[in-house]
């Protein structure tokens, strides 16, 4: 079964949980759910979580990046791009194409951009994964 990882900011935790639940309902496996972490109070905890997140991204068949995303999410995006892992980049609006807000990495091969509702993102992922035998 295919695995996925979701990168986003703490501000998006409810959207992360929603997308995760929907993807798991389709039979995908969440490689690591960082939303389950307790409040981080030490550098050792940060290091441990970072190792788990990096390993989870590397073992995933695809990742989903929900904007707005924080600095960690952009590192996870870089890990995915560097390992040729398919990435679904989501924004509820067109900021992906706003030259003042976008990133050069949002427009690389392997990044599939989606704007609109979370339901549209989920349907896009479902159709795309079905087309590649997922």
N, C-alpha and C. Protein backbone atom coordinates (compact mmCIF):
# COMPACT_ATOMS: atom_id res chain seq x y z
N UNK A 1 0.84 -1.19 0.00
CA UNK A 1 0.00 0.00 0.00
C UNK A 1 0.88 1.24 0.00
N UNK A 2 0.41 2.28 -0.64
CA UNK A 2 1.18 3.52 -0.74
C UNK A 2 1.10 4.34 0.55
N UNK A 3 2.23 5.00 0.83
CA UNK A 3 2.29 5.85 2.02
C UNK A 3 2.39 7.31 1.62
N UNK A 4 1.94 8.18 2.54
CA UNK A 4 1.98 9.61 2.30
C UNK A 4 2.44 10.33 3.56
N UNK A 5 2.87 11.56 3.36
CA UNK A 5 3.26 12.46 4.45
C UNK A 5 2.62 13.80 4.17
N UNK A 6 2.19 14.51 5.22
CA UNK A 6 1.61 15.84 5.04
C UNK A 6 2.48 16.86 5.75
N UNK A 7 2.92 17.86 4.99
CA UNK A 7 3.71 18.96 5.53
C UNK A 7 2.83 20.21 5.57
N UNK A 8 2.89 20.93 6.68
CA UNK A 8 2.16 22.18 6.81
C UNK A 8 2.62 22.87 8.08
N UNK A 9 1.95 23.96 8.41
CA UNK A 9 2.27 24.68 9.64
C UNK A 9 1.30 24.26 10.74
N UNK A 10 1.67 24.56 11.97
CA UNK A 10 0.78 24.27 13.09
C UNK A 10 -0.56 24.99 12.94
N UNK A 11 -0.56 26.12 12.23
CA UNK A 11 -1.82 26.86 12.00
C UNK A 11 -2.82 26.03 11.21
N UNK A 12 -2.33 25.06 10.45
CA UNK A 12 -3.18 24.26 9.58
C UNK A 12 -3.50 22.88 10.15
N UNK A 13 -3.32 22.69 11.44
CA UNK A 13 -3.42 21.36 12.02
C UNK A 13 -4.76 20.67 11.74
N UNK A 14 -5.85 21.42 11.77
CA UNK A 14 -7.16 20.81 11.50
C UNK A 14 -7.26 20.36 10.05
N UNK A 15 -6.73 21.15 9.12
CA UNK A 15 -6.73 20.74 7.70
C UNK A 15 -5.84 19.53 7.49
N UNK A 16 -4.71 19.47 8.18
CA UNK A 16 -3.82 18.31 8.08
C UNK A 16 -4.55 17.06 8.54
N UNK A 17 -5.22 17.15 9.66
CA UNK A 17 -5.96 15.99 10.18
C UNK A 17 -7.07 15.57 9.22
N UNK A 18 -7.76 16.54 8.65
CA UNK A 18 -8.85 16.24 7.73
C UNK A 18 -8.33 15.52 6.47
N UNK A 19 -7.28 16.07 5.87
CA UNK A 19 -6.72 15.45 4.66
C UNK A 19 -6.18 14.07 4.98
N UNK A 20 -5.51 13.94 6.11
CA UNK A 20 -4.99 12.63 6.52
C UNK A 20 -6.11 11.61 6.65
N UNK A 21 -7.18 11.98 7.33
CA UNK A 21 -8.32 11.07 7.49
C UNK A 21 -8.90 10.65 6.15
N UNK A 22 -9.02 11.60 5.24
CA UNK A 22 -9.58 11.29 3.92
C UNK A 22 -8.67 10.33 3.15
N UNK A 23 -7.37 10.59 3.18
CA UNK A 23 -6.43 9.72 2.46
C UNK A 23 -6.36 8.33 3.08
N UNK A 24 -6.39 8.27 4.41
CA UNK A 24 -6.40 6.96 5.07
C UNK A 24 -7.68 6.20 4.73
N UNK A 25 -8.78 6.93 4.59
CA UNK A 25 -10.03 6.31 4.20
C UNK A 25 -10.00 5.71 2.81
N UNK A 26 -9.07 6.19 1.98
CA UNK A 26 -8.88 5.64 0.63
C UNK A 26 -7.90 4.47 0.64
N UNK A 27 -7.35 4.16 1.81
CA UNK A 27 -6.44 3.02 1.91
C UNK A 27 -4.96 3.38 1.95
N UNK A 28 -4.64 4.67 1.88
CA UNK A 28 -3.24 5.08 1.98
C UNK A 28 -2.80 5.04 3.44
N UNK A 29 -1.50 4.91 3.65
CA UNK A 29 -0.93 4.84 4.99
C UNK A 29 -0.17 6.14 5.28
N UNK A 30 -0.48 6.76 6.42
CA UNK A 30 0.20 7.99 6.84
C UNK A 30 1.54 7.58 7.46
N UNK A 31 2.63 8.01 6.84
CA UNK A 31 3.97 7.57 7.27
C UNK A 31 4.37 8.14 8.63
N UNK A 32 3.91 9.32 8.96
CA UNK A 32 4.19 9.92 10.27
C UNK A 32 3.24 11.09 10.48
N UNK A 33 2.54 11.06 11.60
CA UNK A 33 1.56 12.11 11.90
C UNK A 33 2.12 13.02 12.99
N UNK A 34 2.74 14.09 12.57
CA UNK A 34 3.35 15.03 13.51
C UNK A 34 2.33 15.79 14.34
N UNK A 35 1.06 15.74 13.96
CA UNK A 35 0.03 16.43 14.74
C UNK A 35 -0.18 15.76 16.09
N UNK A 36 0.31 14.55 16.26
CA UNK A 36 0.16 13.81 17.51
C UNK A 36 1.23 14.16 18.54
N UNK A 37 2.23 14.94 18.14
CA UNK A 37 3.32 15.28 19.05
C UNK A 37 2.83 16.20 20.17
N UNK A 38 3.40 15.97 21.36
CA UNK A 38 3.16 16.88 22.48
C UNK A 38 3.98 18.14 22.26
N UNK A 39 3.74 19.14 23.08
CA UNK A 39 4.50 20.38 23.00
C UNK A 39 5.98 20.08 23.17
N UNK A 40 6.78 20.62 22.26
CA UNK A 40 8.22 20.39 22.28
C UNK A 40 8.86 21.34 23.28
N UNK A 41 9.66 20.76 24.19
CA UNK A 41 10.26 21.57 25.25
C UNK A 41 11.78 21.48 25.29
N UNK A 42 12.37 20.72 24.34
CA UNK A 42 13.83 20.60 24.36
C UNK A 42 14.38 20.40 22.95
N UNK A 43 15.65 20.70 22.83
CA UNK A 43 16.35 20.48 21.56
C UNK A 43 16.39 18.99 21.23
N UNK A 44 16.57 18.14 22.24
CA UNK A 44 16.58 16.69 22.00
C UNK A 44 15.26 16.23 21.40
N UNK A 45 14.14 16.75 21.90
CA UNK A 45 12.84 16.40 21.31
C UNK A 45 12.76 16.88 19.87
N UNK A 46 13.23 18.09 19.61
CA UNK A 46 13.20 18.62 18.24
C UNK A 46 14.03 17.72 17.31
N UNK A 47 15.20 17.32 17.77
CA UNK A 47 16.07 16.46 16.98
C UNK A 47 15.37 15.14 16.66
N UNK A 48 14.73 14.54 17.68
CA UNK A 48 14.05 13.26 17.49
C UNK A 48 12.89 13.39 16.50
N UNK A 49 12.09 14.44 16.66
CA UNK A 49 10.96 14.66 15.75
C UNK A 49 11.48 14.91 14.34
N UNK A 50 12.53 15.71 14.21
CA UNK A 50 13.10 15.98 12.90
C UNK A 50 13.57 14.72 12.20
N UNK A 51 14.18 13.82 12.94
CA UNK A 51 14.63 12.54 12.36
C UNK A 51 13.44 11.72 11.88
N UNK A 52 12.39 11.69 12.70
CA UNK A 52 11.18 10.94 12.32
C UNK A 52 10.53 11.55 11.09
N UNK A 53 10.46 12.87 11.05
CA UNK A 53 9.85 13.53 9.89
C UNK A 53 10.68 13.28 8.62
N UNK A 54 11.99 13.39 8.72
CA UNK A 54 12.84 13.17 7.56
C UNK A 54 12.70 11.73 7.05
N UNK A 55 12.72 10.76 7.96
CA UNK A 55 12.57 9.36 7.56
C UNK A 55 11.20 9.13 6.93
N UNK A 56 10.16 9.76 7.49
CA UNK A 56 8.80 9.58 6.97
C UNK A 56 8.67 10.13 5.56
N UNK A 57 9.23 11.30 5.31
CA UNK A 57 9.19 11.87 3.97
C UNK A 57 9.90 10.93 2.99
N UNK A 58 11.07 10.46 3.36
CA UNK A 58 11.87 9.62 2.45
C UNK A 58 11.18 8.30 2.13
N UNK A 59 10.40 7.77 3.06
CA UNK A 59 9.75 6.47 2.80
C UNK A 59 8.36 6.61 2.19
N UNK A 60 7.91 7.84 2.00
CA UNK A 60 6.57 8.06 1.43
C UNK A 60 6.58 7.96 -0.08
N UNK A 61 5.46 7.50 -0.62
CA UNK A 61 5.29 7.48 -2.07
C UNK A 61 4.92 8.86 -2.60
N UNK A 62 4.28 9.65 -1.75
CA UNK A 62 3.97 11.03 -2.11
C UNK A 62 3.81 11.85 -0.84
N UNK A 63 4.00 13.17 -1.00
CA UNK A 63 3.73 14.07 0.12
C UNK A 63 2.73 15.12 -0.33
N UNK A 64 2.07 15.68 0.66
CA UNK A 64 1.12 16.76 0.44
C UNK A 64 1.63 17.95 1.26
N UNK A 65 1.77 19.09 0.61
CA UNK A 65 2.17 20.31 1.31
C UNK A 65 0.97 21.25 1.29
N UNK A 66 0.46 21.57 2.48
CA UNK A 66 -0.68 22.46 2.60
C UNK A 66 -0.18 23.86 2.97
N UNK A 67 -0.44 24.82 2.09
CA UNK A 67 -0.07 26.20 2.39
C UNK A 67 -1.19 26.86 3.18
N UNK A 68 -0.90 27.81 4.07
CA UNK A 68 0.45 28.30 4.35
C UNK A 68 1.25 27.25 5.12
N UNK A 69 2.52 27.21 4.79
CA UNK A 69 3.42 26.23 5.39
C UNK A 69 4.58 26.94 6.06
N UNK A 70 5.12 26.33 7.08
CA UNK A 70 6.23 26.92 7.80
C UNK A 70 7.58 26.49 7.26
N UNK A 71 8.63 26.89 7.95
CA UNK A 71 9.99 26.59 7.49
C UNK A 71 10.25 25.09 7.43
N UNK A 72 9.74 24.33 8.40
CA UNK A 72 9.93 22.88 8.38
C UNK A 72 9.30 22.24 7.16
N UNK A 73 8.13 22.74 6.79
CA UNK A 73 7.42 22.20 5.62
C UNK A 73 8.23 22.41 4.35
N UNK A 74 8.88 23.54 4.26
CA UNK A 74 9.68 23.81 3.07
C UNK A 74 10.93 22.94 3.03
N UNK A 75 11.45 22.59 4.18
CA UNK A 75 12.57 21.64 4.23
C UNK A 75 12.07 20.27 3.79
N UNK A 76 10.89 19.88 4.26
CA UNK A 76 10.31 18.59 3.86
C UNK A 76 10.04 18.57 2.36
N UNK A 77 9.59 19.67 1.81
CA UNK A 77 9.42 19.78 0.36
C UNK A 77 10.75 19.55 -0.34
N UNK A 78 11.81 20.14 0.18
CA UNK A 78 13.14 19.95 -0.40
C UNK A 78 13.61 18.51 -0.32
N UNK A 79 13.34 17.85 0.79
CA UNK A 79 13.70 16.44 0.93
C UNK A 79 12.96 15.62 -0.12
N UNK A 80 11.67 15.91 -0.29
CA UNK A 80 10.88 15.17 -1.29
C UNK A 80 11.41 15.42 -2.70
N UNK A 81 11.67 16.67 -3.04
CA UNK A 81 12.20 16.97 -4.37
C UNK A 81 13.55 16.29 -4.59
N UNK A 82 14.41 16.33 -3.58
CA UNK A 82 15.73 15.72 -3.69
C UNK A 82 15.70 14.21 -3.81
N UNK A 83 14.59 13.61 -3.39
CA UNK A 83 14.43 12.16 -3.48
C UNK A 83 13.42 11.74 -4.54
N UNK A 84 13.05 12.67 -5.41
CA UNK A 84 12.11 12.42 -6.52
C UNK A 84 10.78 11.83 -6.03
N UNK A 85 10.28 12.38 -4.93
CA UNK A 85 9.00 11.94 -4.38
C UNK A 85 7.91 12.90 -4.87
N UNK A 86 6.88 12.33 -5.44
CA UNK A 86 5.77 13.14 -5.95
C UNK A 86 5.22 14.03 -4.85
N UNK A 87 4.97 15.28 -5.19
CA UNK A 87 4.50 16.26 -4.22
C UNK A 87 3.25 16.95 -4.74
N UNK A 88 2.24 16.97 -3.88
CA UNK A 88 1.02 17.73 -4.16
C UNK A 88 1.09 18.99 -3.31
N UNK A 89 1.11 20.12 -3.98
CA UNK A 89 1.22 21.41 -3.32
C UNK A 89 -0.13 22.10 -3.39
N UNK A 90 -0.72 22.36 -2.23
CA UNK A 90 -2.08 22.89 -2.17
C UNK A 90 -2.12 24.30 -1.60
N UNK A 91 -2.94 25.13 -2.23
CA UNK A 91 -3.26 26.46 -1.72
C UNK A 91 -4.74 26.71 -1.98
N UNK A 92 -5.43 27.32 -1.03
CA UNK A 92 -6.84 27.63 -1.26
C UNK A 92 -7.03 28.75 -2.28
N UNK A 93 -5.96 29.47 -2.59
CA UNK A 93 -6.05 30.58 -3.54
C UNK A 93 -4.90 30.46 -4.56
N UNK A 94 -4.65 31.49 -5.30
CA UNK A 94 -3.66 31.42 -6.38
C UNK A 94 -2.28 31.93 -5.97
N UNK A 95 -1.97 31.93 -4.67
CA UNK A 95 -0.67 32.44 -4.24
C UNK A 95 0.49 31.63 -4.80
N UNK A 96 0.22 30.40 -5.23
CA UNK A 96 1.27 29.58 -5.85
C UNK A 96 1.85 30.25 -7.08
N UNK A 97 1.04 31.04 -7.74
CA UNK A 97 1.46 31.70 -8.97
C UNK A 97 1.67 33.20 -8.80
N UNK A 98 1.62 33.69 -7.57
CA UNK A 98 1.86 35.11 -7.29
C UNK A 98 3.37 35.30 -7.15
N UNK A 99 3.97 36.01 -8.05
CA UNK A 99 5.43 36.16 -8.10
C UNK A 99 6.00 36.71 -6.80
N UNK A 100 5.20 37.45 -6.03
CA UNK A 100 5.66 38.01 -4.75
C UNK A 100 5.63 36.99 -3.61
N UNK A 101 4.85 35.90 -3.77
CA UNK A 101 4.67 34.94 -2.68
C UNK A 101 5.17 33.54 -2.99
N UNK A 102 5.39 33.25 -4.25
CA UNK A 102 5.73 31.90 -4.65
C UNK A 102 7.20 31.59 -4.38
N UNK A 103 7.56 30.35 -4.59
CA UNK A 103 8.94 29.90 -4.44
C UNK A 103 9.36 29.21 -5.74
N UNK A 104 10.62 29.30 -6.06
CA UNK A 104 11.12 28.62 -7.26
C UNK A 104 10.86 27.11 -7.17
N UNK A 105 10.87 26.57 -5.97
CA UNK A 105 10.70 25.13 -5.79
C UNK A 105 9.27 24.67 -5.99
N UNK A 106 8.31 25.60 -5.96
CA UNK A 106 6.92 25.24 -6.22
C UNK A 106 6.69 24.89 -7.69
N UNK A 107 7.63 25.21 -8.53
CA UNK A 107 7.43 25.08 -9.98
C UNK A 107 8.38 24.06 -10.60
N UNK A 108 8.84 23.10 -9.81
CA UNK A 108 9.76 22.08 -10.29
C UNK A 108 9.01 20.83 -10.74
N UNK A 109 9.67 20.02 -11.56
CA UNK A 109 9.10 18.74 -11.96
C UNK A 109 8.81 17.93 -10.70
N UNK A 110 7.72 17.22 -10.70
CA UNK A 110 7.34 16.41 -9.56
C UNK A 110 6.43 17.12 -8.58
N UNK A 111 6.22 18.44 -8.77
CA UNK A 111 5.32 19.20 -7.92
C UNK A 111 4.02 19.40 -8.69
N UNK A 112 2.94 18.91 -8.12
CA UNK A 112 1.62 19.02 -8.73
C UNK A 112 0.83 20.03 -7.92
N UNK A 113 0.55 21.16 -8.52
CA UNK A 113 -0.12 22.26 -7.83
C UNK A 113 -1.63 22.10 -7.89
N UNK A 114 -2.26 22.41 -6.77
CA UNK A 114 -3.71 22.34 -6.69
C UNK A 114 -4.21 23.52 -5.88
N UNK A 115 -5.18 24.23 -6.41
CA UNK A 115 -5.81 25.31 -5.65
C UNK A 115 -7.30 25.06 -5.63
N UNK A 116 -7.95 25.57 -4.60
CA UNK A 116 -9.39 25.38 -4.46
C UNK A 116 -9.73 24.89 -3.07
N UNK A 117 -10.67 23.97 -3.00
CA UNK A 117 -11.09 23.43 -1.71
C UNK A 117 -10.26 22.19 -1.35
N UNK A 118 -10.30 21.83 -0.09
CA UNK A 118 -9.61 20.59 0.32
C UNK A 118 -10.23 19.38 -0.37
N UNK A 119 -11.53 19.41 -0.60
CA UNK A 119 -12.18 18.30 -1.29
C UNK A 119 -11.65 18.17 -2.72
N UNK A 120 -11.40 19.30 -3.38
CA UNK A 120 -10.83 19.26 -4.73
C UNK A 120 -9.42 18.69 -4.70
N UNK A 121 -8.65 19.04 -3.68
CA UNK A 121 -7.31 18.47 -3.53
C UNK A 121 -7.38 16.96 -3.36
N UNK A 122 -8.25 16.51 -2.49
CA UNK A 122 -8.38 15.07 -2.22
C UNK A 122 -8.80 14.32 -3.47
N UNK A 123 -9.75 14.87 -4.22
CA UNK A 123 -10.17 14.22 -5.47
C UNK A 123 -9.04 14.21 -6.50
N UNK A 124 -8.27 15.30 -6.56
CA UNK A 124 -7.13 15.36 -7.47
C UNK A 124 -6.12 14.27 -7.13
N UNK A 125 -5.82 14.11 -5.85
CA UNK A 125 -4.87 13.08 -5.42
C UNK A 125 -5.43 11.70 -5.76
N UNK A 126 -6.70 11.48 -5.46
CA UNK A 126 -7.31 10.17 -5.74
C UNK A 126 -7.19 9.81 -7.22
N UNK A 127 -7.60 10.73 -8.09
CA UNK A 127 -7.54 10.48 -9.54
C UNK A 127 -6.11 10.28 -10.01
N UNK A 128 -5.20 11.11 -9.53
CA UNK A 128 -3.80 11.00 -9.95
C UNK A 128 -3.19 9.69 -9.49
N UNK A 129 -3.45 9.29 -8.26
CA UNK A 129 -2.89 8.04 -7.75
C UNK A 129 -3.50 6.83 -8.46
N UNK A 130 -4.78 6.91 -8.81
CA UNK A 130 -5.40 5.82 -9.57
C UNK A 130 -4.75 5.70 -10.95
N UNK A 131 -4.37 6.84 -11.53
CA UNK A 131 -3.78 6.81 -12.88
C UNK A 131 -2.37 6.22 -12.89
N UNK A 132 -1.72 6.20 -11.72
CA UNK A 132 -0.37 5.62 -11.63
C UNK A 132 -0.41 4.27 -10.91
N UNK A 133 -1.59 3.69 -10.84
CA UNK A 133 -1.71 2.36 -10.24
C UNK A 133 -1.78 2.36 -8.73
N UNK A 134 -2.27 3.49 -8.17
CA UNK A 134 -2.33 3.58 -6.72
C UNK A 134 -3.69 3.40 -6.22
